[in-house]
Amino acid sequence: MKNTLTAVGRKYARQQSAFMVAVVLLVTLVIYFVWGWSIAKSALLGGFIAIIPNMLFAYKAFKYAGAQASEKVIDSFFSGVKLKMALTALLLALSFKFLVLVPLPFFSMFSLVLMLPAVTPYIFKN
């Protein structure tokens, strides 16, 4: 059974995720043509390390809705936050352990993606 109460939130989360992916790809493309592959690769990884946990959080946050499922809503939200933080830490640790990255573009793109949710409400007015 499809939950219509979460439809608006899921739609917004999909728009926001697609916007984040588009921004990361566009900025990475510009960086590639200006500074080269190693810096672009670092920026791309920084962006996707911020996007992947966000997408999993959005999935968990909009899984349940309604008054009867209020405990499930709270539990799924908090488990989503925990999953997001743990996955972000794991991806950051793995990327610095096994990959050669340039820190400035990596953390610049990571920070940009983390700030995008503050801008998207002005872009996607419903």
Protein backbone atom coordinates (compact mmCIF):
# COMPACT_ATOMS: atom_id res chain seq x y z
CA MET A 1 0.00 0.00 0.00
CA LYS A 2 1.39 3.38 -1.00
CA ASN A 3 1.60 5.97 1.75
CA THR A 4 0.24 9.23 0.33
CA LEU A 5 1.34 11.26 3.36
CA THR A 6 5.00 10.79 2.50
CA ALA A 7 4.58 11.43 -1.24
CA VAL A 8 5.34 15.16 -1.00
CA GLY A 9 8.43 14.59 1.15
CA ARG A 10 9.72 11.85 -1.13
CA LYS A 11 9.20 14.02 -4.20
CA TYR A 12 11.11 16.87 -2.59
CA ALA A 13 13.89 14.51 -1.47
CA ARG A 14 14.21 13.15 -5.03
CA GLN A 15 14.37 16.69 -6.44
CA GLN A 16 16.96 17.70 -3.89
CA SER A 17 19.09 14.59 -4.53
CA ALA A 18 18.92 15.09 -8.30
CA PHE A 19 19.87 18.74 -7.86
CA MET A 20 22.86 17.78 -5.70
CA VAL A 21 24.06 15.23 -8.25
CA ALA A 22 23.68 17.78 -11.07
CA VAL A 23 25.62 20.44 -9.15
CA VAL A 24 28.41 18.00 -8.30
CA LEU A 25 28.71 16.80 -11.89
CA LEU A 26 28.62 20.33 -13.32
CA VAL A 27 31.19 21.73 -10.89
CA THR A 28 33.40 18.66 -11.36
CA LEU A 29 33.27 19.12 -15.11
CA VAL A 30 34.35 22.76 -14.77
CA ILE A 31 37.13 21.77 -12.37
CA TYR A 32 38.30 19.07 -14.77
CA PHE A 33 38.69 21.51 -17.66
CA VAL A 34 40.37 24.16 -15.51
CA TRP A 35 42.64 22.16 -13.16
CA GLY A 36 42.76 18.57 -14.40
CA TRP A 37 41.71 15.07 -13.47
CA SER A 38 43.27 14.60 -10.01
CA ILE A 39 41.60 17.69 -8.59
CA ALA A 40 38.31 16.89 -10.35
CA LYS A 41 38.40 13.32 -9.00
CA SER A 42 38.87 14.65 -5.47
CA ALA A 43 35.97 17.06 -5.87
CA LEU A 44 33.73 14.37 -7.36
CA LEU A 45 34.44 11.98 -4.50
CA GLY A 46 33.87 14.70 -1.92
CA GLY A 47 30.50 15.45 -3.45
CA PHE A 48 29.35 11.86 -3.65
CA ILE A 49 30.53 11.09 -0.13
CA ALA A 50 28.08 13.77 1.02
CA ILE A 51 25.26 12.75 -1.37
CA ILE A 52 25.10 8.99 -0.72
CA PRO A 53 24.39 9.25 3.04
CA ASN A 54 21.88 12.04 2.35
CA MET A 55 19.96 9.81 -0.03
CA LEU A 56 19.85 6.96 2.48
CA PHE A 57 18.67 9.35 5.16
CA ALA A 58 15.88 10.65 2.93
CA TYR A 59 14.77 7.10 2.23
CA LYS A 60 14.65 6.27 5.94
CA ALA A 61 13.05 9.58 6.97
CA PHE A 62 10.10 9.29 4.56
CA LYS A 63 9.40 5.62 5.10
CA TYR A 64 6.47 6.08 7.50
CA ALA A 65 3.86 8.78 8.14
CA GLY A 66 0.67 9.32 10.04
CA ALA A 67 -0.54 9.46 13.60
CA GLN A 68 -0.74 5.69 14.00
CA ALA A 69 2.86 5.30 12.91
CA SER A 70 4.26 8.17 15.01
CA GLU A 71 6.71 5.93 16.88
CA LYS A 72 7.87 4.39 13.60
CA VAL A 73 8.34 7.87 12.13
CA ILE A 74 10.53 8.94 15.04
CA ASP A 75 12.48 5.68 15.06
CA SER A 76 13.09 5.75 11.30
CA PHE A 77 14.17 9.40 11.46
CA PHE A 78 16.68 8.80 14.23
CA SER A 79 17.95 5.57 12.70
CA GLY A 80 18.36 7.50 9.43
CA VAL A 81 20.43 10.16 11.18
CA LYS A 82 22.60 7.50 12.81
CA LEU A 83 23.05 5.70 9.49
CA LYS A 84 23.92 8.96 7.74
CA MET A 85 26.59 9.89 10.29
CA ALA A 86 28.10 6.42 10.40
CA LEU A 87 28.17 6.05 6.61
CA THR A 88 29.67 9.53 6.18
CA ALA A 89 32.43 8.72 8.66
CA LEU A 90 33.07 5.33 7.04
CA LEU A 91 33.22 6.77 3.51
CA LEU A 92 35.53 9.58 4.63
CA ALA A 93 37.84 7.15 6.40
CA LEU A 94 37.94 4.72 3.48
CA SER A 95 38.54 7.44 0.92
CA PHE A 96 41.51 8.88 2.81
CA LYS A 97 42.90 5.44 3.62
CA PHE A 98 42.79 3.95 0.12
CA LEU A 99 42.71 6.87 -2.34
CA VAL A 100 45.08 9.69 -3.17
CA LEU A 101 43.02 12.86 -2.80
CA VAL A 102 43.66 16.58 -2.92
CA PRO A 103 42.12 17.84 0.35
CA LEU A 104 41.02 21.36 -0.67
CA PRO A 105 38.74 20.42 -3.60
CA PHE A 106 37.55 17.32 -1.73
CA PHE A 107 36.38 19.24 1.33
CA SER A 108 35.19 22.22 -0.74
CA MET A 109 32.79 20.03 -2.70
CA PHE A 110 31.83 18.11 0.45
CA SER A 111 30.96 21.41 2.14
CA LEU A 112 29.11 22.70 -0.91
CA VAL A 113 26.89 19.62 -1.00
CA LEU A 114 26.22 19.89 2.73
CA MET A 115 25.07 23.50 2.23
CA LEU A 116 22.84 22.82 -0.78
CA PRO A 117 19.77 21.77 1.27
CA ALA A 118 19.64 25.32 2.62
CA VAL A 119 19.31 26.67 -0.95
CA THR A 120 17.00 24.13 -2.55
CA PRO A 121 13.76 25.40 -0.92
CA TYR A 122 14.22 28.65 -2.86
CA ILE A 123 14.85 26.78 -6.11
CA PHE A 124 12.08 24.16 -5.85
CA LYS A 125 9.07 26.14 -4.68
CA ASN A 126 6.05 23.84 -4.63
